[in-house]
């Protein structure tokens, strides 16, 4: 399925994979995205990210209570649109992070704000420091004067996505 490169780079598979779970008396089949993660004894284990009907926003997410605006943003754009403090359950550390929805599984994904990398240029348009700051904070940004692969000038809203780990077009 040509999925190994993404897994070895630390990403989830870019598509859903059929999985079968045999628990002896119960066998279940489903689809999930897969990722490689460190196990408790230092060995690498396969993690399954199952498909959910909808994102779980009715309960706290690493200590964050979703506001009505947060929920609306996540459902409309897939990105919450701001940095929030999330709690690391193991260490108790508070980590400024952004939250997005995995569009294939509806899983909520958090990314530490210090891991957000904003490019200097998007589609031939040089970003100002103010524009970079807006994207760094997880907020959407309307850009004019970008150039498509066909050479056509266009404008669009862009925003950093925690799941994809790059600036996406909304």
N, C-alpha and C. Protein backbone atom coordinates (compact mmCIF):
# COMPACT_ATOMS: atom_id res chain seq x y z
N UNK A 1 0.82 -1.21 0.00
CA UNK A 1 0.00 0.00 0.00
C UNK A 1 0.86 1.27 0.00
N UNK A 2 2.17 1.13 -0.06
CA UNK A 2 3.09 2.27 -0.07
C UNK A 2 2.90 3.19 1.14
N UNK A 3 2.79 2.62 2.32
CA UNK A 3 2.55 3.38 3.53
C UNK A 3 3.77 3.45 4.46
N UNK A 4 4.77 2.67 4.18
CA UNK A 4 5.89 2.54 5.10
C UNK A 4 6.70 3.82 5.25
N UNK A 5 6.89 4.58 4.17
CA UNK A 5 7.69 5.81 4.26
C UNK A 5 7.12 6.78 5.29
N UNK A 6 5.79 7.02 5.25
CA UNK A 6 5.17 7.93 6.22
C UNK A 6 5.33 7.39 7.64
N UNK A 7 5.14 6.09 7.82
CA UNK A 7 5.27 5.49 9.15
C UNK A 7 6.68 5.68 9.70
N UNK A 8 7.68 5.44 8.87
CA UNK A 8 9.07 5.54 9.31
C UNK A 8 9.50 6.99 9.57
N UNK A 9 8.78 7.95 8.99
CA UNK A 9 9.06 9.37 9.23
C UNK A 9 8.32 9.89 10.46
N UNK A 10 7.54 9.03 11.12
CA UNK A 10 6.84 9.43 12.33
C UNK A 10 5.42 9.91 12.11
N UNK A 11 4.90 9.74 10.89
CA UNK A 11 3.54 10.18 10.58
C UNK A 11 2.58 9.00 10.61
N UNK A 12 1.28 9.33 10.62
CA UNK A 12 0.26 8.31 10.45
C UNK A 12 0.14 7.98 8.96
N UNK A 13 -0.42 6.82 8.67
CA UNK A 13 -0.68 6.49 7.27
C UNK A 13 -1.59 7.56 6.68
N UNK A 14 -1.43 7.85 5.40
CA UNK A 14 -2.23 8.91 4.79
C UNK A 14 -3.58 8.42 4.29
N UNK A 15 -3.88 7.17 4.58
CA UNK A 15 -5.17 6.60 4.20
C UNK A 15 -5.60 5.59 5.25
N UNK A 16 -6.88 5.24 5.20
CA UNK A 16 -7.39 4.22 6.12
C UNK A 16 -6.93 2.85 5.67
N UNK A 17 -6.63 2.00 6.64
CA UNK A 17 -6.13 0.65 6.39
C UNK A 17 -7.12 -0.33 7.00
N UNK A 18 -7.51 -1.38 6.27
CA UNK A 18 -8.39 -2.38 6.88
C UNK A 18 -7.65 -3.13 7.99
N UNK A 19 -8.26 -3.24 9.17
CA UNK A 19 -7.65 -3.95 10.28
C UNK A 19 -8.63 -4.98 10.82
N UNK A 20 -8.07 -6.04 11.35
CA UNK A 20 -8.86 -7.11 11.95
C UNK A 20 -8.27 -7.39 13.32
N UNK A 21 -9.12 -7.46 14.33
CA UNK A 21 -8.68 -7.68 15.69
C UNK A 21 -9.29 -8.99 16.18
N UNK A 22 -8.44 -9.95 16.55
CA UNK A 22 -8.91 -11.25 17.01
C UNK A 22 -8.60 -11.38 18.50
N UNK A 23 -9.66 -11.35 19.31
CA UNK A 23 -9.50 -11.45 20.76
C UNK A 23 -9.89 -12.84 21.27
N UNK A 24 -9.77 -13.83 20.42
CA UNK A 24 -10.10 -15.20 20.80
C UNK A 24 -11.55 -15.52 20.51
N UNK A 25 -12.44 -15.02 21.37
CA UNK A 25 -13.87 -15.30 21.16
C UNK A 25 -14.56 -14.22 20.35
N UNK A 26 -13.89 -13.10 20.14
CA UNK A 26 -14.47 -12.00 19.39
C UNK A 26 -13.49 -11.58 18.30
N UNK A 27 -14.02 -11.43 17.10
CA UNK A 27 -13.23 -10.92 15.97
C UNK A 27 -13.95 -9.69 15.45
N UNK A 28 -13.21 -8.60 15.30
CA UNK A 28 -13.80 -7.38 14.76
C UNK A 28 -12.97 -6.88 13.59
N UNK A 29 -13.66 -6.33 12.61
CA UNK A 29 -12.99 -5.76 11.44
C UNK A 29 -13.40 -4.31 11.30
N UNK A 30 -12.44 -3.47 10.95
CA UNK A 30 -12.70 -2.04 10.84
C UNK A 30 -11.65 -1.41 9.94
N UNK A 31 -11.63 -0.09 9.92
CA UNK A 31 -10.59 0.65 9.21
C UNK A 31 -9.97 1.63 10.20
N UNK A 32 -8.69 1.90 10.02
CA UNK A 32 -7.98 2.81 10.91
C UNK A 32 -6.76 3.37 10.20
N UNK A 33 -6.27 4.49 10.70
CA UNK A 33 -4.95 4.97 10.30
C UNK A 33 -3.98 4.35 11.28
N UNK A 34 -2.79 4.07 10.84
CA UNK A 34 -1.77 3.45 11.69
C UNK A 34 -0.61 4.41 11.91
N UNK A 35 0.05 4.26 13.04
CA UNK A 35 1.28 5.01 13.31
C UNK A 35 2.19 4.13 14.13
N UNK A 36 3.46 4.48 14.15
CA UNK A 36 4.44 3.77 14.97
C UNK A 36 4.75 4.64 16.18
N UNK A 37 4.71 4.04 17.37
CA UNK A 37 4.96 4.79 18.59
C UNK A 37 5.85 3.98 19.52
N UNK A 38 6.56 4.65 20.42
CA UNK A 38 7.41 3.91 21.36
C UNK A 38 6.54 3.17 22.39
N UNK A 39 6.86 1.91 22.63
CA UNK A 39 6.17 1.12 23.64
C UNK A 39 6.79 1.34 25.01
N UNK A 40 6.23 0.70 26.01
CA UNK A 40 6.70 0.89 27.38
C UNK A 40 8.12 0.39 27.60
N UNK A 41 8.54 -0.65 26.89
CA UNK A 41 9.88 -1.20 27.09
C UNK A 41 10.88 -0.70 26.03
N UNK A 42 10.50 0.38 25.32
CA UNK A 42 11.41 0.95 24.33
C UNK A 42 11.26 0.39 22.93
N UNK A 43 10.47 -0.68 22.78
CA UNK A 43 10.24 -1.23 21.45
C UNK A 43 9.18 -0.42 20.73
N UNK A 44 9.22 -0.44 19.41
CA UNK A 44 8.23 0.26 18.61
C UNK A 44 6.97 -0.59 18.50
N UNK A 45 5.82 0.06 18.68
CA UNK A 45 4.54 -0.64 18.56
C UNK A 45 3.67 0.07 17.53
N UNK A 46 2.74 -0.66 16.94
CA UNK A 46 1.81 -0.09 15.98
C UNK A 46 0.60 0.43 16.74
N UNK A 47 0.24 1.70 16.50
CA UNK A 47 -0.95 2.29 17.11
C UNK A 47 -2.03 2.39 16.05
N UNK A 48 -3.26 2.04 16.44
CA UNK A 48 -4.40 2.14 15.53
C UNK A 48 -5.23 3.35 15.91
N UNK A 49 -5.55 4.16 14.92
CA UNK A 49 -6.38 5.35 15.11
C UNK A 49 -7.70 5.07 14.40
N UNK A 50 -8.67 4.55 15.16
CA UNK A 50 -9.95 4.12 14.59
C UNK A 50 -10.83 5.27 14.16
N UNK A 51 -11.75 4.96 13.27
CA UNK A 51 -12.70 5.94 12.76
C UNK A 51 -13.79 6.18 13.80
N UNK A 52 -14.08 7.43 14.06
CA UNK A 52 -15.14 7.83 15.00
C UNK A 52 -16.26 8.50 14.21
N UNK A 53 -17.45 8.43 14.75
CA UNK A 53 -18.59 9.07 14.09
C UNK A 53 -18.40 10.59 14.05
N UNK A 54 -17.91 11.15 15.16
CA UNK A 54 -17.67 12.59 15.26
C UNK A 54 -16.58 12.84 16.29
N UNK A 55 -15.95 14.02 16.24
CA UNK A 55 -14.92 14.34 17.24
C UNK A 55 -15.52 14.38 18.65
N UNK A 56 -14.77 13.92 19.64
CA UNK A 56 -15.23 13.94 21.03
C UNK A 56 -14.95 15.30 21.65
N UNK A 57 -15.94 16.20 21.56
CA UNK A 57 -15.76 17.55 22.08
C UNK A 57 -16.65 17.84 23.29
N UNK A 58 -17.40 16.86 23.74
CA UNK A 58 -18.30 17.07 24.87
C UNK A 58 -17.61 16.78 26.21
N UNK A 59 -16.38 16.37 26.17
CA UNK A 59 -15.63 16.10 27.39
C UNK A 59 -14.28 16.82 27.30
N UNK A 60 -13.62 17.05 28.44
CA UNK A 60 -12.32 17.74 28.40
C UNK A 60 -11.29 16.97 27.57
N UNK A 61 -10.46 17.72 26.87
CA UNK A 61 -9.38 17.17 26.05
C UNK A 61 -8.07 17.64 26.66
N UNK A 62 -7.38 16.76 27.36
CA UNK A 62 -6.14 17.10 28.07
C UNK A 62 -6.34 18.35 28.94
N UNK A 63 -7.50 18.42 29.60
CA UNK A 63 -7.81 19.51 30.50
C UNK A 63 -8.50 20.70 29.85
N UNK A 64 -8.63 20.72 28.53
CA UNK A 64 -9.27 21.85 27.84
C UNK A 64 -10.76 21.57 27.66
N UNK A 65 -11.59 22.52 28.11
CA UNK A 65 -13.04 22.46 27.89
C UNK A 65 -13.34 23.26 26.62
N UNK A 66 -13.99 22.63 25.65
CA UNK A 66 -14.27 23.30 24.38
C UNK A 66 -15.41 24.31 24.53
N UNK A 67 -15.18 25.52 24.02
CA UNK A 67 -16.22 26.55 23.99
C UNK A 67 -17.10 26.28 22.77
N UNK A 68 -18.29 26.88 22.73
CA UNK A 68 -19.11 26.74 21.52
C UNK A 68 -18.37 27.18 20.25
N UNK A 69 -17.55 28.25 20.37
CA UNK A 69 -16.78 28.73 19.21
C UNK A 69 -15.72 27.70 18.81
N UNK A 70 -15.05 27.08 19.81
CA UNK A 70 -14.07 26.04 19.51
C UNK A 70 -14.72 24.91 18.71
N UNK A 71 -15.87 24.45 19.19
CA UNK A 71 -16.58 23.34 18.53
C UNK A 71 -16.97 23.71 17.10
N UNK A 72 -17.49 24.93 16.94
CA UNK A 72 -17.90 25.38 15.61
C UNK A 72 -16.70 25.42 14.66
N UNK A 73 -15.58 25.98 15.12
CA UNK A 73 -14.38 26.05 14.28
C UNK A 73 -13.89 24.66 13.90
N UNK A 74 -13.84 23.74 14.87
CA UNK A 74 -13.37 22.38 14.58
C UNK A 74 -14.27 21.67 13.57
N UNK A 75 -15.57 21.86 13.69
CA UNK A 75 -16.49 21.20 12.76
C UNK A 75 -16.47 21.85 11.38
N UNK A 76 -16.29 23.17 11.31
CA UNK A 76 -16.32 23.86 10.01
C UNK A 76 -15.00 23.77 9.25
N UNK A 77 -13.88 24.02 9.94
CA UNK A 77 -12.58 24.08 9.24
C UNK A 77 -11.67 22.91 9.57
N UNK A 78 -11.97 22.19 10.66
CA UNK A 78 -11.08 21.11 11.10
C UNK A 78 -9.98 21.61 12.03
N UNK A 79 -9.93 22.94 12.27
CA UNK A 79 -8.92 23.55 13.13
C UNK A 79 -9.61 24.43 14.16
N UNK A 80 -9.10 24.40 15.40
CA UNK A 80 -9.74 25.18 16.45
C UNK A 80 -9.47 26.68 16.30
N UNK A 81 -8.29 27.05 15.82
CA UNK A 81 -8.03 28.45 15.53
C UNK A 81 -7.37 29.26 16.61
N UNK A 82 -6.87 28.60 17.65
CA UNK A 82 -6.17 29.33 18.70
C UNK A 82 -5.30 28.36 19.49
N UNK A 83 -4.36 28.94 20.24
CA UNK A 83 -3.50 28.14 21.11
C UNK A 83 -4.17 28.04 22.48
N UNK A 84 -4.18 26.84 23.03
CA UNK A 84 -4.75 26.62 24.36
C UNK A 84 -3.77 25.82 25.21
N UNK A 85 -3.84 25.98 26.54
CA UNK A 85 -2.97 25.19 27.42
C UNK A 85 -3.53 23.77 27.58
N UNK A 86 -2.73 22.76 27.26
CA UNK A 86 -3.13 21.37 27.45
C UNK A 86 -2.22 20.75 28.49
N UNK A 87 -2.76 19.81 29.26
CA UNK A 87 -2.01 19.19 30.35
C UNK A 87 -1.47 17.84 29.92
N UNK A 88 -0.15 17.66 30.09
CA UNK A 88 0.47 16.35 29.88
C UNK A 88 0.10 15.50 31.10
N UNK A 89 -0.67 14.44 30.87
CA UNK A 89 -1.18 13.63 31.98
C UNK A 89 -0.08 12.92 32.76
N UNK A 90 1.03 12.62 32.12
CA UNK A 90 2.12 11.90 32.82
C UNK A 90 2.94 12.83 33.71
N UNK A 91 3.22 14.04 33.20
CA UNK A 91 4.12 14.94 33.94
C UNK A 91 3.38 16.08 34.63
N UNK A 92 2.13 16.35 34.23
CA UNK A 92 1.40 17.49 34.77
C UNK A 92 1.79 18.81 34.13
N UNK A 93 2.76 18.77 33.20
CA UNK A 93 3.22 19.98 32.52
C UNK A 93 2.09 20.57 31.68
N UNK A 94 1.98 21.89 31.68
CA UNK A 94 1.01 22.60 30.85
C UNK A 94 1.73 23.00 29.56
N UNK A 95 1.16 22.59 28.43
CA UNK A 95 1.82 22.79 27.14
C UNK A 95 0.92 23.60 26.20
N UNK A 96 1.33 24.81 25.80
CA UNK A 96 0.55 25.55 24.81
C UNK A 96 0.49 24.76 23.50
N UNK A 97 -0.73 24.55 22.98
CA UNK A 97 -0.92 23.67 21.83
C UNK A 97 -2.08 24.15 20.95
N UNK A 98 -2.09 23.65 19.72
CA UNK A 98 -3.25 23.85 18.85
C UNK A 98 -3.93 22.50 18.68
N UNK A 99 -5.21 22.54 18.29
CA UNK A 99 -6.00 21.32 18.13
C UNK A 99 -6.66 21.33 16.77
N UNK A 100 -6.60 20.18 16.08
CA UNK A 100 -7.28 19.99 14.80
C UNK A 100 -7.98 18.64 14.82
N UNK A 101 -8.81 18.42 13.80
CA UNK A 101 -9.53 17.16 13.64
C UNK A 101 -8.88 16.37 12.51
N UNK A 102 -8.58 15.10 12.75
CA UNK A 102 -8.14 14.21 11.69
C UNK A 102 -9.36 13.94 10.82
N UNK A 103 -9.33 14.39 9.58
CA UNK A 103 -10.51 14.31 8.72
C UNK A 103 -10.86 12.88 8.29
N UNK A 104 -9.90 11.96 8.41
CA UNK A 104 -10.20 10.56 8.06
C UNK A 104 -10.82 9.80 9.22
N UNK A 105 -10.43 10.14 10.45
CA UNK A 105 -10.90 9.36 11.61
C UNK A 105 -11.77 10.16 12.58
N UNK A 106 -11.83 11.47 12.45
CA UNK A 106 -12.52 12.36 13.40
C UNK A 106 -11.87 12.37 14.78
N UNK A 107 -10.63 11.94 14.87
CA UNK A 107 -9.88 11.98 16.13
C UNK A 107 -9.36 13.41 16.33
N UNK A 108 -9.40 13.89 17.57
CA UNK A 108 -8.82 15.19 17.89
C UNK A 108 -7.31 15.04 18.01
N UNK A 109 -6.56 15.95 17.39
CA UNK A 109 -5.11 15.91 17.36
C UNK A 109 -4.56 17.21 17.92
N UNK A 110 -3.64 17.10 18.85
CA UNK A 110 -2.99 18.28 19.42
C UNK A 110 -1.54 18.33 18.94
N UNK A 111 -1.04 19.55 18.78
CA UNK A 111 0.36 19.76 18.43
C UNK A 111 0.88 20.91 19.29
N UNK A 112 2.03 20.66 19.91
CA UNK A 112 2.67 21.69 20.73
C UNK A 112 2.91 22.93 19.87
N UNK A 113 2.63 24.10 20.42
CA UNK A 113 2.83 25.35 19.68
C UNK A 113 4.29 25.53 19.26
N UNK A 114 5.24 25.03 20.07
CA UNK A 114 6.65 25.20 19.72
C UNK A 114 7.08 24.28 18.57
N UNK A 115 6.21 23.39 18.14
CA UNK A 115 6.50 22.51 17.00
C UNK A 115 5.94 23.05 15.69
N UNK A 116 5.21 24.16 15.75
CA UNK A 116 4.62 24.75 14.55
C UNK A 116 5.71 25.44 13.75
N UNK A 117 5.87 25.03 12.51
CA UNK A 117 6.87 25.63 11.62
C UNK A 117 6.14 26.30 10.46
N UNK A 118 6.27 27.60 10.37
CA UNK A 118 5.61 28.39 9.33
C UNK A 118 6.62 28.71 8.24
N UNK A 119 6.28 28.42 6.98
CA UNK A 119 7.22 28.73 5.89
C UNK A 119 7.32 30.24 5.66
N UNK A 120 8.40 30.67 5.03
CA UNK A 120 8.58 32.08 4.71
C UNK A 120 7.70 32.48 3.52
N UNK A 121 7.32 31.48 2.72
CA UNK A 121 6.60 31.75 1.47
C UNK A 121 5.55 30.67 1.25
N UNK A 122 4.39 31.08 0.74
CA UNK A 122 3.34 30.14 0.37
C UNK A 122 2.92 30.46 -1.06
N UNK A 123 3.07 29.50 -1.94
CA UNK A 123 2.68 29.64 -3.36
C UNK A 123 3.18 30.93 -3.98
N UNK A 124 4.48 31.20 -3.74
CA UNK A 124 5.12 32.36 -4.35
C UNK A 124 4.89 33.67 -3.62
N UNK A 125 4.12 33.67 -2.55
CA UNK A 125 3.85 34.88 -1.78
C UNK A 125 4.71 34.90 -0.54
N UNK A 126 5.55 35.92 -0.42
CA UNK A 126 6.41 36.09 0.76
C UNK A 126 5.55 36.55 1.93
N UNK A 127 5.63 35.82 3.06
CA UNK A 127 4.83 36.17 4.23
C UNK A 127 5.52 37.22 5.08
N UNK A 128 4.74 38.17 5.58
CA UNK A 128 5.28 39.17 6.51
C UNK A 128 5.39 38.53 7.89
N UNK A 129 6.11 39.19 8.79
CA UNK A 129 6.24 38.67 10.16
C UNK A 129 4.88 38.62 10.84
N UNK A 130 4.02 39.59 10.57
CA UNK A 130 2.68 39.62 11.16
C UNK A 130 1.84 38.43 10.65
N UNK A 131 1.93 38.14 9.36
CA UNK A 131 1.20 36.99 8.79
C UNK A 131 1.71 35.69 9.39
N UNK A 132 3.03 35.56 9.54
CA UNK A 132 3.60 34.36 10.15
C UNK A 132 3.13 34.20 11.59
N UNK A 133 3.06 35.31 12.32
CA UNK A 133 2.61 35.28 13.71
C UNK A 133 1.16 34.80 13.79
N UNK A 134 0.31 35.28 12.89
CA UNK A 134 -1.09 34.85 12.86
C UNK A 134 -1.17 33.34 12.68
N UNK A 135 -0.43 32.80 11.72
CA UNK A 135 -0.44 31.36 11.47
C UNK A 135 0.18 30.60 12.63
N UNK A 136 1.23 31.14 13.24
CA UNK A 136 1.90 30.52 14.38
C UNK A 136 0.96 30.37 15.56
N UNK A 137 0.00 31.28 15.67
CA UNK A 137 -0.97 31.24 16.76
C UNK A 137 -2.16 30.33 16.45
N UNK A 138 -2.13 29.68 15.27
CA UNK A 138 -3.19 28.76 14.90
C UNK A 138 -4.40 29.41 14.26
N UNK A 139 -4.34 30.73 14.06
CA UNK A 139 -5.49 31.45 13.50
C UNK A 139 -5.50 31.37 11.97
N UNK A 140 -6.69 31.49 11.36
CA UNK A 140 -6.77 31.49 9.90
C UNK A 140 -6.28 32.83 9.34
N UNK A 141 -5.84 32.80 8.09
CA UNK A 141 -5.30 34.00 7.45
C UNK A 141 -5.72 34.01 5.98
N UNK A 142 -6.24 35.15 5.53
CA UNK A 142 -6.60 35.31 4.12
C UNK A 142 -5.40 35.88 3.37
N UNK A 143 -4.97 35.16 2.34
CA UNK A 143 -3.81 35.59 1.55
C UNK A 143 -4.23 35.90 0.12
N UNK A 144 -3.74 37.02 -0.39
CA UNK A 144 -3.99 37.42 -1.77
C UNK A 144 -2.68 37.39 -2.54
N UNK A 145 -2.75 37.08 -3.82
CA UNK A 145 -1.57 37.16 -4.68
C UNK A 145 -0.72 35.91 -4.73
N UNK A 146 -1.29 34.75 -4.34
CA UNK A 146 -0.55 33.50 -4.50
C UNK A 146 -0.63 33.07 -5.96
N UNK A 147 0.30 32.23 -6.38
CA UNK A 147 0.35 31.79 -7.77
C UNK A 147 0.24 30.27 -7.83
N UNK A 148 -0.73 29.77 -8.60
CA UNK A 148 -0.93 28.33 -8.73
C UNK A 148 0.15 27.70 -9.60
N UNK A 149 0.16 26.38 -9.65
CA UNK A 149 1.14 25.66 -10.49
C UNK A 149 0.97 26.01 -11.96
N UNK A 150 -0.25 26.39 -12.36
CA UNK A 150 -0.52 26.76 -13.75
C UNK A 150 -0.18 28.22 -14.03
N UNK A 151 0.28 28.95 -12.99
CA UNK A 151 0.67 30.34 -13.17
C UNK A 151 -0.45 31.34 -12.95
N UNK A 152 -1.59 30.88 -12.49
CA UNK A 152 -2.73 31.75 -12.25
C UNK A 152 -2.67 32.33 -10.83
N UNK A 153 -2.92 33.63 -10.71
CA UNK A 153 -2.94 34.25 -9.39
C UNK A 153 -4.26 33.92 -8.70
N UNK A 154 -4.19 33.64 -7.38
CA UNK A 154 -5.41 33.35 -6.63
C UNK A 154 -5.25 33.78 -5.18
N UNK A 155 -6.38 33.81 -4.50
CA UNK A 155 -6.43 34.17 -3.08
C UNK A 155 -7.17 33.06 -2.34
N UNK A 156 -6.83 32.88 -1.06
CA UNK A 156 -7.48 31.83 -0.27
C UNK A 156 -7.20 32.03 1.21
N UNK A 157 -8.03 31.40 2.03
CA UNK A 157 -7.79 31.34 3.47
C UNK A 157 -6.87 30.15 3.74
N UNK A 158 -5.90 30.34 4.61
CA UNK A 158 -4.98 29.27 5.01
C UNK A 158 -4.93 29.21 6.53
N UNK A 159 -4.52 28.06 7.04
CA UNK A 159 -4.41 27.87 8.49
C UNK A 159 -3.51 26.68 8.75
N UNK A 160 -2.79 26.71 9.88
CA UNK A 160 -1.94 25.60 10.25
C UNK A 160 -2.80 24.48 10.80
N UNK A 161 -2.56 23.25 10.34
CA UNK A 161 -3.32 22.08 10.77
C UNK A 161 -2.43 21.19 11.64
N UNK A 162 -2.87 20.91 12.87
CA UNK A 162 -2.08 20.11 13.81
C UNK A 162 -1.90 18.69 13.34
N UNK A 163 -2.89 18.12 12.66
CA UNK A 163 -2.79 16.74 12.20
C UNK A 163 -1.82 16.63 11.04
N UNK A 164 -1.95 17.51 10.07
CA UNK A 164 -1.09 17.45 8.89
C UNK A 164 0.29 18.06 9.13
N UNK A 165 0.38 18.90 10.13
CA UNK A 165 1.62 19.59 10.52
C UNK A 165 2.15 20.53 9.44
N UNK A 166 1.23 21.16 8.74
CA UNK A 166 1.61 22.20 7.78
C UNK A 166 0.43 23.13 7.54
N UNK A 167 0.71 24.24 6.85
CA UNK A 167 -0.32 25.21 6.52
C UNK A 167 -1.15 24.65 5.38
N UNK A 168 -2.48 24.62 5.60
CA UNK A 168 -3.38 24.07 4.58
C UNK A 168 -4.31 25.15 4.06
N UNK A 169 -4.88 24.91 2.89
CA UNK A 169 -5.89 25.79 2.31
C UNK A 169 -7.23 25.38 2.88
N UNK A 170 -8.01 26.36 3.33
CA UNK A 170 -9.33 26.06 3.89
C UNK A 170 -10.39 26.04 2.80
